[in-house]
N, C-alpha and C. Protein backbone atom coordinates (compact mmCIF):
# COMPACT_ATOMS: atom_id res chain seq x y z
N UNK A 1 42.20 0.03 -26.22
CA UNK A 1 43.28 0.54 -25.40
C UNK A 1 43.67 -0.47 -24.32
N UNK A 2 42.68 -1.05 -23.65
CA UNK A 2 42.97 -2.00 -22.57
C UNK A 2 43.17 -3.42 -23.07
N UNK A 3 43.09 -3.64 -24.37
CA UNK A 3 43.22 -4.99 -24.90
C UNK A 3 44.64 -5.53 -24.80
N UNK A 4 45.64 -4.68 -24.77
CA UNK A 4 47.03 -5.12 -24.81
C UNK A 4 47.77 -4.94 -23.50
N UNK A 5 47.08 -4.94 -22.36
CA UNK A 5 47.76 -4.73 -21.08
C UNK A 5 48.61 -5.95 -20.75
N UNK A 6 48.03 -7.11 -20.72
CA UNK A 6 48.78 -8.34 -20.45
C UNK A 6 49.17 -8.47 -18.99
N UNK A 7 49.83 -9.56 -18.68
CA UNK A 7 50.25 -9.85 -17.31
C UNK A 7 51.28 -8.86 -16.77
N UNK A 8 52.31 -8.49 -17.54
CA UNK A 8 53.28 -7.51 -17.00
C UNK A 8 52.63 -6.18 -16.66
N UNK A 9 51.69 -5.73 -17.46
CA UNK A 9 51.01 -4.46 -17.19
C UNK A 9 50.18 -4.53 -15.92
N UNK A 10 49.49 -5.65 -15.73
CA UNK A 10 48.68 -5.83 -14.52
C UNK A 10 49.57 -5.87 -13.29
N UNK A 11 50.69 -6.56 -13.39
CA UNK A 11 51.63 -6.62 -12.25
C UNK A 11 52.19 -5.24 -11.94
N UNK A 12 52.52 -4.46 -12.96
CA UNK A 12 53.02 -3.12 -12.74
C UNK A 12 51.98 -2.25 -12.05
N UNK A 13 50.74 -2.34 -12.49
CA UNK A 13 49.66 -1.57 -11.85
C UNK A 13 49.50 -1.99 -10.40
N UNK A 14 49.56 -3.30 -10.11
CA UNK A 14 49.42 -3.80 -8.74
C UNK A 14 50.54 -3.27 -7.86
N UNK A 15 51.75 -3.25 -8.37
CA UNK A 15 52.89 -2.75 -7.58
C UNK A 15 52.74 -1.26 -7.31
N UNK A 16 52.32 -0.50 -8.30
CA UNK A 16 52.14 0.95 -8.12
C UNK A 16 51.05 1.21 -7.08
N UNK A 17 49.95 0.48 -7.15
CA UNK A 17 48.87 0.66 -6.17
C UNK A 17 49.37 0.29 -4.78
N UNK A 18 50.13 -0.79 -4.67
CA UNK A 18 50.67 -1.21 -3.38
C UNK A 18 51.59 -0.16 -2.80
N UNK A 19 52.44 0.43 -3.62
CA UNK A 19 53.36 1.46 -3.15
C UNK A 19 52.60 2.71 -2.74
N UNK A 20 51.61 3.10 -3.51
CA UNK A 20 50.88 4.33 -3.21
C UNK A 20 50.03 4.21 -1.94
N UNK A 21 49.33 3.11 -1.78
CA UNK A 21 48.36 3.00 -0.69
C UNK A 21 48.87 2.19 0.49
N UNK A 22 49.82 1.33 0.30
CA UNK A 22 50.33 0.51 1.40
C UNK A 22 49.49 -0.74 1.61
N UNK A 23 50.10 -1.70 2.24
CA UNK A 23 49.46 -3.00 2.44
C UNK A 23 48.25 -2.90 3.36
N UNK A 24 48.32 -2.07 4.39
CA UNK A 24 47.23 -1.96 5.36
C UNK A 24 45.95 -1.42 4.75
N UNK A 25 46.06 -0.37 3.95
CA UNK A 25 44.88 0.23 3.32
C UNK A 25 44.25 -0.74 2.33
N UNK A 26 45.08 -1.42 1.54
CA UNK A 26 44.55 -2.36 0.55
C UNK A 26 43.88 -3.53 1.25
N UNK A 27 44.49 -4.01 2.33
CA UNK A 27 43.92 -5.12 3.09
C UNK A 27 42.55 -4.73 3.66
N UNK A 28 42.46 -3.54 4.22
CA UNK A 28 41.18 -3.07 4.76
C UNK A 28 40.14 -2.90 3.68
N UNK A 29 40.55 -2.40 2.52
CA UNK A 29 39.63 -2.22 1.41
C UNK A 29 39.11 -3.57 0.92
N UNK A 30 39.98 -4.53 0.79
CA UNK A 30 39.56 -5.86 0.34
C UNK A 30 38.62 -6.52 1.36
N UNK A 31 38.87 -6.27 2.64
CA UNK A 31 37.96 -6.78 3.67
C UNK A 31 36.57 -6.20 3.52
N UNK A 32 36.50 -4.90 3.25
CA UNK A 32 35.20 -4.25 3.05
C UNK A 32 34.52 -4.76 1.78
N UNK A 33 35.29 -5.00 0.73
CA UNK A 33 34.72 -5.55 -0.50
C UNK A 33 34.15 -6.94 -0.22
N UNK A 34 34.87 -7.75 0.54
CA UNK A 34 34.40 -9.09 0.90
C UNK A 34 33.11 -9.03 1.70
N UNK A 35 33.02 -8.11 2.64
CA UNK A 35 31.80 -7.95 3.43
C UNK A 35 30.64 -7.52 2.54
N UNK A 36 30.92 -6.65 1.59
CA UNK A 36 29.88 -6.20 0.68
C UNK A 36 29.35 -7.33 -0.18
N UNK A 37 30.26 -8.17 -0.69
CA UNK A 37 29.85 -9.30 -1.51
C UNK A 37 29.02 -10.28 -0.68
N UNK A 38 29.45 -10.55 0.54
CA UNK A 38 28.71 -11.45 1.43
C UNK A 38 27.32 -10.91 1.71
N UNK A 39 27.23 -9.61 1.98
CA UNK A 39 25.94 -8.98 2.25
C UNK A 39 25.03 -9.05 1.01
N UNK A 40 25.61 -8.84 -0.16
CA UNK A 40 24.84 -8.92 -1.40
C UNK A 40 24.28 -10.32 -1.60
N UNK A 41 25.11 -11.34 -1.41
CA UNK A 41 24.66 -12.72 -1.57
C UNK A 41 23.57 -13.06 -0.57
N UNK A 42 23.73 -12.58 0.67
CA UNK A 42 22.71 -12.83 1.70
C UNK A 42 21.39 -12.18 1.31
N UNK A 43 21.45 -10.97 0.78
CA UNK A 43 20.24 -10.29 0.35
C UNK A 43 19.55 -11.01 -0.80
N UNK A 44 20.35 -11.52 -1.74
CA UNK A 44 19.79 -12.27 -2.86
C UNK A 44 19.09 -13.53 -2.35
N UNK A 45 19.72 -14.25 -1.44
CA UNK A 45 19.13 -15.48 -0.88
C UNK A 45 17.85 -15.18 -0.11
N UNK A 46 17.85 -14.10 0.67
CA UNK A 46 16.66 -13.72 1.41
C UNK A 46 15.53 -13.32 0.46
N UNK A 47 15.87 -12.64 -0.63
CA UNK A 47 14.86 -12.27 -1.61
C UNK A 47 14.24 -13.48 -2.28
N UNK A 48 15.08 -14.46 -2.61
CA UNK A 48 14.57 -15.70 -3.22
C UNK A 48 13.65 -16.42 -2.25
N UNK A 49 14.05 -16.50 -0.98
CA UNK A 49 13.23 -17.18 0.03
C UNK A 49 11.89 -16.46 0.19
N UNK A 50 11.91 -15.14 0.18
CA UNK A 50 10.68 -14.36 0.33
C UNK A 50 9.75 -14.59 -0.86
N UNK A 51 10.32 -14.63 -2.07
CA UNK A 51 9.50 -14.89 -3.26
C UNK A 51 8.89 -16.29 -3.24
N UNK A 52 9.68 -17.28 -2.83
CA UNK A 52 9.17 -18.65 -2.74
C UNK A 52 8.06 -18.75 -1.70
N UNK A 53 8.23 -18.06 -0.57
CA UNK A 53 7.21 -18.07 0.47
C UNK A 53 5.93 -17.42 -0.03
N UNK A 54 6.05 -16.31 -0.74
CA UNK A 54 4.87 -15.64 -1.29
C UNK A 54 4.18 -16.52 -2.33
N UNK A 55 4.97 -17.24 -3.11
CA UNK A 55 4.40 -18.14 -4.11
C UNK A 55 3.63 -19.27 -3.44
N UNK A 56 4.20 -19.86 -2.40
CA UNK A 56 3.53 -20.93 -1.67
C UNK A 56 2.24 -20.42 -1.02
N UNK A 57 2.30 -19.22 -0.48
CA UNK A 57 1.11 -18.63 0.14
C UNK A 57 0.03 -18.38 -0.90
N UNK A 58 0.42 -17.92 -2.08
CA UNK A 58 -0.56 -17.68 -3.15
C UNK A 58 -1.18 -18.99 -3.61
N UNK A 59 -0.38 -20.04 -3.71
CA UNK A 59 -0.90 -21.35 -4.12
C UNK A 59 -1.87 -21.88 -3.08
N UNK A 60 -1.54 -21.74 -1.80
CA UNK A 60 -2.43 -22.23 -0.75
C UNK A 60 -3.72 -21.42 -0.71
N UNK A 61 -3.64 -20.10 -0.99
CA UNK A 61 -4.85 -19.28 -1.05
C UNK A 61 -5.75 -19.72 -2.19
N UNK A 62 -5.16 -20.05 -3.32
CA UNK A 62 -5.95 -20.50 -4.47
C UNK A 62 -6.61 -21.84 -4.16
N UNK A 63 -5.90 -22.73 -3.49
CA UNK A 63 -6.48 -24.02 -3.13
C UNK A 63 -7.63 -23.85 -2.15
N UNK A 64 -7.52 -22.89 -1.24
CA UNK A 64 -8.59 -22.64 -0.26
C UNK A 64 -9.84 -22.08 -0.93
N UNK A 65 -9.72 -21.31 -1.98
CA UNK A 65 -10.84 -20.66 -2.64
C UNK A 65 -11.48 -21.58 -3.67
N UNK A 66 -10.73 -22.49 -4.25
CA UNK A 66 -11.25 -23.38 -5.28
C UNK A 66 -12.33 -24.29 -4.70
N UNK A 67 -13.54 -24.30 -5.30
CA UNK A 67 -14.61 -25.16 -4.78
C UNK A 67 -14.29 -26.63 -5.05
N UNK A 68 -14.63 -27.45 -4.10
CA UNK A 68 -14.41 -28.89 -4.25
C UNK A 68 -15.63 -29.52 -4.92
N UNK A 69 -15.42 -30.55 -5.73
CA UNK A 69 -16.51 -31.25 -6.40
C UNK A 69 -17.18 -32.20 -5.41
N UNK A 70 -18.49 -32.28 -5.50
CA UNK A 70 -19.24 -33.20 -4.65
C UNK A 70 -19.07 -34.62 -5.18
N UNK A 71 -18.99 -35.57 -4.28
CA UNK A 71 -18.82 -36.97 -4.69
C UNK A 71 -20.14 -37.70 -4.58
N UNK A 72 -21.26 -37.10 -4.93
CA UNK A 72 -22.58 -37.71 -4.81
C UNK A 72 -22.84 -38.72 -5.88
């Protein structure tokens, strides 16, 4: 059903949405979507940093527990 929309159909939908909601509402909505995307990316980056920190901590714990060989 949605395979044959094309550019004219998308433009028509955009115009209808603009007429129904107005420029101000759409602008505010897009601002909120942008903030949500930014927050999501920040959360992903913080999660990666936390995982890397935990991995480094685990590696350092393993190095601390591993017995060293005597050089006698």
